[in-house]
Amino acid sequence: MLVALVAAAALTQAASSATIDHTVAPGANYDKAEFRLWMPAAPGPLQAVLVLVPGSNGDGRPMAADPFWQEFAARQRLAIVACRFTDKPHDQGFIEEYVNVSRGSGQALVDALSAFADRARHPEIASAPILLWGMSAGGQFDYEFVAWRPERVAAFVVNKGGIYYTALAPKAARDVPGLLFIGEKDLDSRIAMISGIAALNRRAGALWALTEEPGVGHAVARSRDLGAMFFADVLALRTGGASLKPIDPKSGFIADLNTRTFQPAGEAPAQTERTAWLPTLAIAKAWQAVVTGQPFAP
């Protein structure tokens, strides 16, 4: 009897954590839009959807099987949706047209979430808060999605990309907490682009933190680890009601990008030049560890 019960439990867990693939037809600004859903084997509704987007024209669907992200999703009760977007052929391949999400690729993701909600019998997926993590062009997609549909996004990561279509984001997008990563040894154009976007929007009060990784080029490096910590803390602050809760900017911490120090936002000067906003003390300490090249505190 015990063996039968264990076997049945294993089958139930395998079924409930199985992946589902979905494809959306080509659109105005993309050729392929393909998605993979993974859900943890746990009862009850999911809290949010973690969307993973790879670099330029890459197939990110295998990221749904990444043990790091699966463990994080299980802890936080998240669905994972891993993406593949590709451009239609055009002359300047370094310019990813599909990251301009308002022209169709963003709606492809929204449509995929609705399809997964039906197929997985988890209707909350269709309207659940989204966490956006991406590398390179994936971070570009994330940024433009926040600018397009900020009400859907709990938090986001921009990660060393180079092509952006929006400079000053809408006020609602500036109110979405974000981490914007640059690598000290990445292309100057990428560093300048992300630093400029961060500076412009911080001047307008964006709840964002520019995060330079010392000695790092165009690589994931520690952006995954800090991103996951950041997502967990922001989810705790923003979820728990019918819609995402706003965050009071004075409840966080302000970091000085020059000195790499931080202080409570309520005690910081009003100016925003060369500053970063961080949601909690734990994230402020973790951010400081990254930008100074130190290990995370135990």
C-alpha atoms as a PDB file:
ATOM      1  CA  MET A   1       0.000   0.000   0.000  1.00  0.00           C
ATOM      2  CA  LEU A   2       2.799   2.428   0.934  1.00  0.00           C
ATOM      3  CA  VAL A   3       4.610   1.746  -2.341  1.00  0.00           C
ATOM      4  CA  ALA A   4       1.411   2.419  -4.266  1.00  0.00           C
ATOM      5  CA  LEU A   5       0.834   5.686  -2.422  1.00  0.00           C
ATOM      6  CA  VAL A   6       4.412   6.850  -3.073  1.00  0.00           C
ATOM      7  CA  ALA A   7       4.102   5.956  -6.748  1.00  0.00           C
ATOM      8  CA  ALA A   8       0.792   7.803  -7.030  1.00  0.00           C
ATOM      9  CA  ALA A   9       2.271  10.864  -5.342  1.00  0.00           C
ATOM     10  CA  ALA A  10       5.237  10.812  -7.708  1.00  0.00           C
ATOM     11  CA  LEU A  11       2.933  10.591 -10.717  1.00  0.00           C
ATOM     12  CA  THR A  12       0.827  13.460  -9.409  1.00  0.00           C
ATOM     13  CA  GLN A  13       3.905  15.619  -8.855  1.00  0.00           C
ATOM     14  CA  ALA A  14       5.291  14.833 -12.295  1.00  0.00           C
ATOM     15  CA  ALA A  15       1.986  15.666 -13.948  1.00  0.00           C
ATOM     16  CA  SER A  16       1.493  18.914 -12.070  1.00  0.00           C
ATOM     17  CA  SER A  17       5.018  20.143 -12.821  1.00  0.00           C
ATOM     18  CA  ALA A  18       5.023  19.124 -16.482  1.00  0.00           C
ATOM     19  CA  THR A  19       5.866  21.703 -19.121  1.00  0.00           C
ATOM     20  CA  ILE A  20       3.492  23.048 -21.761  1.00  0.00           C
ATOM     21  CA  ASP A  21       4.603  24.659 -25.034  1.00  0.00           C
ATOM     22  CA  HIS A  22       2.708  27.297 -26.958  1.00  0.00           C
ATOM     23  CA  THR A  23       3.363  29.107 -30.242  1.00  0.00           C
ATOM     24  CA  VAL A  24       1.910  32.416 -31.402  1.00  0.00           C
ATOM     25  CA  ALA A  25       1.675  33.208 -35.121  1.00  0.00           C
ATOM     26  CA  PRO A  26       4.200  35.664 -36.632  1.00  0.00           C
ATOM     27  CA  GLY A  27       3.343  39.323 -36.100  1.00  0.00           C
ATOM     28  CA  ALA A  28       4.234  42.799 -37.272  1.00  0.00           C
ATOM     29  CA  ASN A  29       7.603  43.037 -35.481  1.00  0.00           C
ATOM     30  CA  TYR A  30       8.616  39.398 -34.961  1.00  0.00           C
ATOM     31  CA  ASP A  31       8.900  36.133 -36.837  1.00  0.00           C
ATOM     32  CA  LYS A  32       8.807  33.482 -34.106  1.00  0.00           C
ATOM     33  CA  ALA A  33       7.138  33.741 -30.712  1.00  0.00           C
ATOM     34  CA  GLU A  34       7.365  30.462 -28.817  1.00  0.00           C
ATOM     35  CA  PHE A  35       6.854  29.889 -25.113  1.00  0.00           C
ATOM     36  CA  ARG A  36       7.263  27.174 -22.480  1.00  0.00           C
ATOM     37  CA  LEU A  37       5.353  27.030 -19.185  1.00  0.00           C
ATOM     38  CA  TRP A  38       6.584  25.281 -16.053  1.00  0.00           C
ATOM     39  CA  MET A  39       4.688  25.214 -12.770  1.00  0.00           C
ATOM     40  CA  PRO A  40       5.746  23.874  -9.364  1.00  0.00           C
ATOM     41  CA  ALA A  41       4.093  20.757  -8.046  1.00  0.00           C
ATOM     42  CA  ALA A  42       2.098  22.470  -5.321  1.00  0.00           C
ATOM     43  CA  PRO A  43      -1.632  22.910  -4.788  1.00  0.00           C
ATOM     44  CA  GLY A  44      -3.426  26.212  -4.909  1.00  0.00           C
ATOM     45  CA  PRO A  45      -3.220  29.315  -7.079  1.00  0.00           C
ATOM     46  CA  LEU A  46       0.038  30.779  -8.290  1.00  0.00           C
ATOM     47  CA  GLN A  47       1.223  34.136  -6.956  1.00  0.00           C
ATOM     48  CA  ALA A  48       2.844  35.521 -10.127  1.00  0.00           C
ATOM     49  CA  VAL A  49       4.541  34.604 -13.409  1.00  0.00           C
ATOM     50  CA  LEU A  50       8.300  34.734 -13.855  1.00  0.00           C
ATOM     51  CA  VAL A  51       9.042  35.534 -17.516  1.00  0.00           C
ATOM     52  CA  LEU A  52      12.544  34.629 -18.744  1.00  0.00           C
ATOM     53  CA  VAL A  53      13.777  36.169 -22.000  1.00  0.00           C
ATOM     54  CA  PRO A  54      17.143  35.237 -23.594  1.00  0.00           C
ATOM     55  CA  GLY A  55      19.625  37.225 -25.636  1.00  0.00           C
ATOM     56  CA  SER A  56      19.325  38.278 -29.252  1.00  0.00           C
ATOM     57  CA  ASN A  57      17.056  35.946 -31.243  1.00  0.00           C
ATOM     58  CA  GLY A  58      17.840  33.142 -28.815  1.00  0.00           C
ATOM     59  CA  ASP A  59      15.724  30.195 -27.766  1.00  0.00           C
ATOM     60  CA  GLY A  60      15.147  30.682 -24.055  1.00  0.00           C
ATOM     61  CA  ARG A  61      12.643  27.863 -23.618  1.00  0.00           C
ATOM     62  CA  PRO A  62      15.223  25.548 -21.968  1.00  0.00           C
ATOM     63  CA  MET A  63      15.491  28.153 -19.199  1.00  0.00           C
ATOM     64  CA  ALA A  64      12.176  26.817 -17.892  1.00  0.00           C
ATOM     65  CA  ALA A  65      14.135  23.749 -16.719  1.00  0.00           C
ATOM     66  CA  ASP A  66      16.879  25.731 -14.942  1.00  0.00           C
ATOM     67  CA  PRO A  67      17.070  24.276 -11.391  1.00  0.00           C
ATOM     68  CA  PHE A  68      17.864  27.704  -9.948  1.00  0.00           C
ATOM     69  CA  TRP A  69      14.712  29.276 -11.353  1.00  0.00           C
ATOM     70  CA  GLN A  70      12.567  26.213 -10.644  1.00  0.00           C
ATOM     71  CA  GLU A  71      13.607  26.228  -6.985  1.00  0.00           C
ATOM     72  CA  PHE A  72      12.924  29.947  -6.762  1.00  0.00           C
ATOM     73  CA  ALA A  73       9.528  29.539  -8.461  1.00  0.00           C
ATOM     74  CA  ALA A  74       8.553  26.704  -6.126  1.00  0.00           C
ATOM     75  CA  ARG A  75       9.455  28.790  -3.065  1.00  0.00           C
ATOM     76  CA  GLN A  76       7.508  31.806  -4.299  1.00  0.00           C
ATOM     77  CA  ARG A  77       4.585  29.903  -5.924  1.00  0.00           C
ATOM     78  CA  LEU A  78       5.347  31.182  -9.415  1.00  0.00           C
ATOM     79  CA  ALA A  79       4.769  29.898 -12.889  1.00  0.00           C
ATOM     80  CA  ILE A  80       7.780  30.143 -15.196  1.00  0.00           C
ATOM     81  CA  VAL A  81       7.249  31.214 -18.799  1.00  0.00           C
ATOM     82  CA  ALA A  82      10.444  31.000 -20.863  1.00  0.00           C
ATOM     83  CA  CYS A  83      10.455  32.686 -24.263  1.00  0.00           C
ATOM     84  CA  ARG A  84      11.831  32.510 -27.759  1.00  0.00           C
ATOM     85  CA  PHE A  85      11.496  35.576 -29.986  1.00  0.00           C
ATOM     86  CA  THR A  86      13.133  36.066 -33.362  1.00  0.00           C
ATOM     87  CA  ASP A  87      13.162  38.910 -35.847  1.00  0.00           C
ATOM     88  CA  LYS A  88      12.094  38.786 -39.435  1.00  0.00           C
ATOM     89  CA  PRO A  89      15.163  39.155 -41.702  1.00  0.00           C
ATOM     90  CA  HIS A  90      16.387  42.753 -41.952  1.00  0.00           C
ATOM     91  CA  ASP A  91      19.610  44.578 -42.767  1.00  0.00           C
ATOM     92  CA  GLN A  92      20.826  45.541 -39.283  1.00  0.00           C
ATOM     93  CA  GLY A  93      20.636  42.354 -37.255  1.00  0.00           C
ATOM     94  CA  PHE A  94      22.080  43.946 -34.109  1.00  0.00           C
ATOM     95  CA  ILE A  95      18.852  45.961 -33.819  1.00  0.00           C
ATOM     96  CA  GLU A  96      16.232  43.588 -32.401  1.00  0.00           C
ATOM     97  CA  GLU A  97      12.873  44.766 -33.687  1.00  0.00           C
ATOM     98  CA  TYR A  98      10.933  42.289 -31.556  1.00  0.00           C
ATOM     99  CA  VAL A  99      11.964  44.118 -28.364  1.00  0.00           C
ATOM    100  CA  ASN A 100       9.750  47.025 -29.460  1.00  0.00           C
ATOM    101  CA  VAL A 101       6.918  45.223 -27.716  1.00  0.00           C
ATOM    102  CA  SER A 102       4.108  47.691 -28.420  1.00  0.00           C
ATOM    103  CA  ARG A 103       4.215  46.673 -32.093  1.00  0.00           C
ATOM    104  CA  GLY A 104       3.055  43.106 -31.444  1.00  0.00           C
ATOM    105  CA  SER A 105       5.567  40.963 -29.560  1.00  0.00           C
ATOM    106  CA  GLY A 106       4.286  42.140 -26.190  1.00  0.00           C
ATOM    107  CA  GLN A 107       0.765  41.103 -27.117  1.00  0.00           C
ATOM    108  CA  ALA A 108       2.161  37.719 -28.194  1.00  0.00           C
ATOM    109  CA  LEU A 109       3.392  37.202 -24.622  1.00  0.00           C
ATOM    110  CA  VAL A 110       0.057  38.332 -23.182  1.00  0.00           C
ATOM    111  CA  ASP A 111      -1.782  35.934 -25.512  1.00  0.00           C
ATOM    112  CA  ALA A 112       0.529  33.093 -24.506  1.00  0.00           C
ATOM    113  CA  LEU A 113      -0.246  33.713 -20.824  1.00  0.00           C
ATOM    114  CA  SER A 114      -3.964  33.492 -21.578  1.00  0.00           C
ATOM    115  CA  ALA A 115      -3.446  30.249 -23.501  1.00  0.00           C
ATOM    116  CA  PHE A 116      -1.418  28.751 -20.656  1.00  0.00           C
ATOM    117  CA  ALA A 117      -4.105  29.763 -18.161  1.00  0.00           C
ATOM    118  CA  ASP A 118      -6.624  27.661 -20.070  1.00  0.00           C
ATOM    119  CA  ARG A 119      -4.378  24.724 -20.873  1.00  0.00           C
ATOM    120  CA  ALA A 120      -2.878  24.445 -17.377  1.00  0.00           C
ATOM    121  CA  ARG A 121      -6.249  25.036 -15.679  1.00  0.00           C
ATOM    122  CA  HIS A 122      -4.772  27.903 -13.706  1.00  0.00           C
ATOM    123  CA  PRO A 123      -6.922  30.876 -14.726  1.00  0.00           C
ATOM    124  CA  GLU A 124      -4.894  33.244 -12.525  1.00  0.00           C
ATOM    125  CA  ILE A 125      -1.977  33.012 -14.984  1.00  0.00           C
ATOM    126  CA  ALA A 126      -3.880  35.174 -17.477  1.00  0.00           C
ATOM    127  CA  SER A 127      -3.860  38.202 -15.152  1.00  0.00           C
ATOM    128  CA  ALA A 128      -1.191  37.395 -12.555  1.00  0.00           C
ATOM    129  CA  PRO A 129       1.587  39.892 -11.809  1.00  0.00           C
ATOM    130  CA  ILE A 130       4.664  39.431 -13.991  1.00  0.00           C
ATOM    131  CA  LEU A 131       8.324  39.373 -12.993  1.00  0.00           C
ATOM    132  CA  LEU A 132      10.587  40.044 -15.981  1.00  0.00           C
ATOM    133  CA  TRP A 133      14.172  38.752 -16.108  1.00  0.00           C
ATOM    134  CA  GLY A 134      16.228  38.753 -19.283  1.00  0.00           C
ATOM    135  CA  MET A 135      19.756  38.858 -20.611  1.00  0.00           C
ATOM    136  CA  SER A 136      20.912  41.358 -23.241  1.00  0.00           C
ATOM    137  CA  ALA A 137      18.039  41.647 -25.746  1.00  0.00           C
ATOM    138  CA  GLY A 138      15.914  39.928 -23.113  1.00  0.00           C
ATOM    139  CA  GLY A 139      16.466  42.882 -20.794  1.00  0.00           C
ATOM    140  CA  GLN A 140      15.587  45.214 -23.644  1.00  0.00           C
ATOM    141  CA  PHE A 141      12.296  43.342 -24.091  1.00  0.00           C
ATOM    142  CA  ASP A 142      11.658  43.591 -20.339  1.00  0.00           C
ATOM    143  CA  TYR A 143      12.187  47.341 -20.271  1.00  0.00           C
ATOM    144  CA  GLU A 144       9.923  47.985 -23.231  1.00  0.00           C
ATOM    145  CA  PHE A 145       7.225  45.692 -21.794  1.00  0.00           C
ATOM    146  CA  VAL A 146       7.229  47.690 -18.556  1.00  0.00           C
ATOM    147  CA  ALA A 147       6.906  50.911 -20.565  1.00  0.00           C
ATOM    148  CA  TRP A 148       3.989  49.385 -22.497  1.00  0.00           C
ATOM    149  CA  ARG A 149       2.053  47.531 -19.763  1.00  0.00           C
ATOM    150  CA  PRO A 150       3.349  48.699 -16.367  1.00  0.00           C
ATOM    151  CA  GLU A 151       0.176  47.650 -14.555  1.00  0.00           C
ATOM    152  CA  ARG A 152       1.032  43.987 -15.207  1.00  0.00           C
ATOM    153  CA  VAL A 153       4.603  44.074 -13.916  1.00  0.00           C
ATOM    154  CA  ALA A 154       5.591  43.648 -10.272  1.00  0.00           C
ATOM    155  CA  ALA A 155       9.345  44.114 -10.906  1.00  0.00           C
ATOM    156  CA  PHE A 156      11.839  43.831 -13.756  1.00  0.00           C
ATOM    157  CA  VAL A 157      15.507  43.415 -14.652  1.00  0.00           C
ATOM    158  CA  VAL A 158      17.365  45.142 -17.504  1.00  0.00           C
ATOM    159  CA  ASN A 159      20.551  43.226 -18.130  1.00  0.00           C
ATOM    160  CA  LYS A 160      23.374  44.633 -20.287  1.00  0.00           C
ATOM    161  CA  GLY A 161      21.371  45.128 -23.480  1.00  0.00           C
ATOM    162  CA  GLY A 162      22.071  47.822 -26.042  1.00  0.00           C
ATOM    163  CA  ILE A 163      18.957  48.745 -28.075  1.00  0.00           C
ATOM    164  CA  TYR A 164      16.049  50.584 -26.434  1.00  0.00           C
ATOM    165  CA  TYR A 165      13.079  52.276 -28.053  1.00  0.00           C
ATOM    166  CA  THR A 166      11.825  54.263 -25.034  1.00  0.00           C
ATOM    167  CA  ALA A 167      13.866  56.959 -23.277  1.00  0.00           C
ATOM    168  CA  LEU A 168      11.643  58.530 -20.625  1.00  0.00           C
ATOM    169  CA  ALA A 169       9.265  55.806 -19.453  1.00  0.00           C
ATOM    170  CA  PRO A 170       5.667  56.659 -18.448  1.00  0.00           C
ATOM    171  CA  LYS A 171       5.065  57.564 -14.802  1.00  0.00           C
ATOM    172  CA  ALA A 172       3.385  54.211 -14.132  1.00  0.00           C
ATOM    173  CA  ALA A 173       6.454  52.409 -15.489  1.00  0.00           C
ATOM    174  CA  ARG A 174       8.779  54.499 -13.347  1.00  0.00           C
ATOM    175  CA  ASP A 175       6.815  53.291 -10.329  1.00  0.00           C
ATOM    176  CA  VAL A 176       7.647  49.636 -11.131  1.00  0.00           C
ATOM    177  CA  PRO A 177      10.778  48.600  -9.186  1.00  0.00           C
ATOM    178  CA  GLY A 178      13.666  47.682 -11.464  1.00  0.00           C
ATOM    179  CA  LEU A 179      17.330  46.686 -11.499  1.00  0.00           C
ATOM    180  CA  LEU A 180      19.375  47.849 -14.501  1.00  0.00           C
ATOM    181  CA  PHE A 181      22.662  45.949 -14.838  1.00  0.00           C
ATOM    182  CA  ILE A 182      25.759  47.052 -16.699  1.00  0.00           C
ATOM    183  CA  GLY A 183      29.101  45.259 -16.935  1.00  0.00           C
ATOM    184  CA  GLU A 184      32.253  47.295 -16.390  1.00  0.00           C
ATOM    185  CA  LYS A 185      33.911  45.586 -19.399  1.00  0.00           C
ATOM    186  CA  ASP A 186      30.886  45.512 -21.714  1.00  0.00           C
ATOM    187  CA  LEU A 187      30.662  47.614 -24.878  1.00  0.00           C
ATOM    188  CA  ASP A 188      30.811  51.338 -24.188  1.00  0.00           C
ATOM    189  CA  SER A 189      27.588  51.809 -26.147  1.00  0.00           C
ATOM    190  CA  ARG A 190      25.682  49.394 -23.906  1.00  0.00           C
ATOM    191  CA  ILE A 191      27.053  50.986 -20.742  1.00  0.00           C
ATOM    192  CA  ALA A 192      26.192  54.467 -21.980  1.00  0.00           C
ATOM    193  CA  MET A 193      22.700  53.495 -23.113  1.00  0.00           C
ATOM    194  CA  ILE A 194      21.602  51.806 -19.892  1.00  0.00           C
ATOM    195  CA  SER A 195      23.319  54.394 -17.696  1.00  0.00           C
ATOM    196  CA  GLY A 196      21.550  57.165 -19.609  1.00  0.00           C
ATOM    197  CA  ILE A 197      18.134  55.535 -19.328  1.00  0.00           C
ATOM    198  CA  ALA A 198      18.676  54.977 -15.612  1.00  0.00           C
ATOM    199  CA  ALA A 199      19.818  58.554 -15.031  1.00  0.00           C
ATOM    200  CA  LEU A 200      16.961  60.109 -16.985  1.00  0.00           C
ATOM    201  CA  ASN A 201      14.259  58.090 -15.266  1.00  0.00           C
ATOM    202  CA  ARG A 202      15.804  58.363 -11.786  1.00  0.00           C
ATOM    203  CA  ARG A 203      15.732  62.131 -12.214  1.00  0.00           C
ATOM    204  CA  ALA A 204      11.980  61.685 -12.717  1.00  0.00           C
ATOM    205  CA  GLY A 205      11.740  59.569  -9.567  1.00  0.00           C
ATOM    206  CA  ALA A 206      11.939  56.029 -11.005  1.00  0.00           C
ATOM    207  CA  LEU A 207      12.164  53.255  -8.397  1.00  0.00           C
ATOM    208  CA  TRP A 208      15.168  51.807 -10.226  1.00  0.00           C
ATOM    209  CA  ALA A 209      18.759  50.928  -9.380  1.00  0.00           C
ATOM    210  CA  LEU A 210      21.644  51.070 -11.829  1.00  0.00           C
ATOM    211  CA  THR A 211      23.918  48.149 -10.892  1.00  0.00           C
ATOM    212  CA  GLU A 212      27.451  47.998 -12.297  1.00  0.00           C
ATOM    213  CA  GLU A 213      29.228  44.659 -12.018  1.00  0.00           C
ATOM    214  CA  PRO A 214      32.987  45.210 -11.719  1.00  0.00           C
ATOM    215  CA  GLY A 215      35.203  43.183 -14.039  1.00  0.00           C
ATOM    216  CA  VAL A 216      32.212  41.812 -15.960  1.00  0.00           C
ATOM    217  CA  GLY A 217      31.622  42.002 -19.706  1.00  0.00           C
ATOM    218  CA  HIS A 218      28.508  40.927 -21.563  1.00  0.00           C
ATOM    219  CA  ALA A 219      27.566  38.134 -19.178  1.00  0.00           C
ATOM    220  CA  VAL A 220      24.856  37.111 -16.712  1.00  0.00           C
ATOM    221  CA  ALA A 221      27.339  37.140 -13.792  1.00  0.00           C
ATOM    222  CA  ARG A 222      25.461  37.917 -10.537  1.00  0.00           C
ATOM    223  CA  SER A 223      22.396  39.486 -12.128  1.00  0.00           C
ATOM    224  CA  ARG A 224      20.455  36.248 -11.746  1.00  0.00           C
ATOM    225  CA  ASP A 225      21.148  35.900  -8.021  1.00  0.00           C
ATOM    226  CA  LEU A 226      20.510  39.525  -7.137  1.00  0.00           C
ATOM    227  CA  GLY A 227      17.493  39.559  -9.441  1.00  0.00           C
ATOM    228  CA  ALA A 228      15.892  36.636  -7.604  1.00  0.00           C
ATOM    229  CA  MET A 229      16.463  38.270  -4.192  1.00  0.00           C
ATOM    230  CA  PHE A 230      15.007  41.496  -5.535  1.00  0.00           C
ATOM    231  CA  PHE A 231      11.930  39.739  -6.957  1.00  0.00           C
ATOM    232  CA  ALA A 232      11.226  37.970  -3.666  1.00  0.00           C
ATOM    233  CA  ASP A 233      11.344  41.168  -1.613  1.00  0.00           C
ATOM    234  CA  VAL A 234       9.284  43.188  -4.101  1.00  0.00           C
ATOM    235  CA  LEU A 235       6.624  40.471  -4.340  1.00  0.00           C
ATOM    236  CA  ALA A 236       6.199  40.617  -0.579  1.00  0.00           C
ATOM    237  CA  LEU A 237       5.643  44.378  -0.830  1.00  0.00           C
ATOM    238  CA  ARG A 238       3.372  44.466  -3.879  1.00  0.00           C
ATOM    239  CA  THR A 239       1.124  41.383  -3.787  1.00  0.00           C
ATOM    240  CA  GLY A 240      -1.733  40.322  -1.554  1.00  0.00           C
ATOM    241  CA  GLY A 241      -4.659  42.248  -3.014  1.00  0.00           C
ATOM    242  CA  ALA A 242      -6.794  42.457  -6.107  1.00  0.00           C
ATOM    243  CA  SER A 243      -4.100  44.466  -7.886  1.00  0.00           C
ATOM    244  CA  LEU A 244      -0.441  45.300  -7.399  1.00  0.00           C
ATOM    245  CA  LYS A 245       0.204  47.594  -4.442  1.00  0.00           C
ATOM    246  CA  PRO A 246       2.123  50.819  -5.054  1.00  0.00           C
ATOM    247  CA  ILE A 247       5.340  51.360  -3.135  1.00  0.00           C
ATOM    248  CA  ASP A 248       6.047  54.542  -1.224  1.00  0.00           C
ATOM    249  CA  PRO A 249       9.469  55.740  -2.467  1.00  0.00           C
ATOM    250  CA  LYS A 250      10.294  56.897   1.061  1.00  0.00           C
ATOM    251  CA  SER A 251       9.953  53.335   2.353  1.00  0.00           C
ATOM    252  CA  GLY A 252      13.076  52.146   0.515  1.00  0.00           C
ATOM    253  CA  PHE A 253      16.753  53.041   0.466  1.00  0.00           C
ATOM    254  CA  ILE A 254      18.766  55.459  -1.666  1.00  0.00           C
ATOM    255  CA  ALA A 255      22.227  54.422  -2.817  1.00  0.00           C
ATOM    256  CA  ASP A 256      24.971  56.756  -3.974  1.00  0.00           C
ATOM    257  CA  LEU A 257      26.453  55.426  -7.234  1.00  0.00           C
ATOM    258  CA  ASN A 258      29.771  57.184  -6.615  1.00  0.00           C
ATOM    259  CA  THR A 259      30.449  56.079  -3.042  1.00  0.00           C
ATOM    260  CA  ARG A 260      28.443  52.804  -3.289  1.00  0.00           C
ATOM    261  CA  THR A 261      26.856  53.523   0.067  1.00  0.00           C
ATOM    262  CA  PHE A 262      23.171  53.767   0.959  1.00  0.00           C
ATOM    263  CA  GLN A 263      20.808  55.267   3.510  1.00  0.00           C
ATOM    264  CA  PRO A 264      17.074  55.161   4.256  1.00  0.00           C
ATOM    265  CA  ALA A 265      15.163  57.054   1.584  1.00  0.00           C
ATOM    266  CA  GLY A 266      13.415  59.169   4.188  1.00  0.00           C
ATOM    267  CA  GLU A 267      16.790  60.531   5.341  1.00  0.00           C
ATOM    268  CA  ALA A 268      18.337  61.028   1.888  1.00  0.00           C
ATOM    269  CA  PRO A 269      18.641  64.390   0.106  1.00  0.00           C
ATOM    270  CA  ALA A 270      15.923  65.146  -2.430  1.00  0.00           C
ATOM    271  CA  GLN A 271      18.294  65.113  -5.433  1.00  0.00           C
ATOM    272  CA  THR A 272      18.335  61.996  -7.616  1.00  0.00           C
ATOM    273  CA  GLU A 273      21.498  62.522  -9.697  1.00  0.00           C
ATOM    274  CA  ARG A 274      23.821  59.485  -9.511  1.00  0.00           C
ATOM    275  CA  THR A 275      21.532  57.649  -7.112  1.00  0.00           C
ATOM    276  CA  ALA A 276      19.714  54.316  -7.083  1.00  0.00           C
ATOM    277  CA  TRP A 277      16.503  53.305  -5.320  1.00  0.00           C
ATOM    278  CA  LEU A 278      16.334  49.942  -3.523  1.00  0.00           C
ATOM    279  CA  PRO A 279      13.249  48.440  -1.875  1.00  0.00           C
ATOM    280  CA  THR A 280      14.583  46.865   1.346  1.00  0.00           C
ATOM    281  CA  LEU A 281      17.634  46.824   3.583  1.00  0.00           C
ATOM    282  CA  ALA A 282      18.464  43.283   2.478  1.00  0.00           C
ATOM    283  CA  ILE A 283      18.460  44.297  -1.194  1.00  0.00           C
ATOM    284  CA  ALA A 284      20.465  47.442  -0.455  1.00  0.00           C
ATOM    285  CA  LYS A 285      23.150  45.296   1.200  1.00  0.00           C
ATOM    286  CA  ALA A 286      23.084  42.758  -1.652  1.00  0.00           C
ATOM    287  CA  TRP A 287      23.315  45.568  -4.256  1.00  0.00           C
ATOM    288  CA  GLN A 288      26.295  47.006  -2.396  1.00  0.00           C
ATOM    289  CA  ALA A 289      27.970  43.581  -2.408  1.00  0.00           C
ATOM    290  CA  VAL A 290      27.552  43.303  -6.188  1.00  0.00           C
ATOM    291  CA  VAL A 291      28.790  46.778  -7.094  1.00  0.00           C
ATOM    292  CA  THR A 292      31.817  46.454  -4.800  1.00  0.00           C
ATOM    293  CA  GLY A 293      32.638  42.924  -5.947  1.00  0.00           C
ATOM    294  CA  GLN A 294      32.091  41.399  -2.498  1.00  0.00           C
ATOM    295  CA  PRO A 295      30.239  38.163  -1.583  1.00  0.00           C
ATOM    296  CA  PHE A 296      26.671  38.333  -0.386  1.00  0.00           C
ATOM    297  CA  ALA A 297      26.307  38.427   3.388  1.00  0.00           C
ATOM    298  CA  PRO A 298      25.379  35.004   4.860  1.00  0.00           C
END
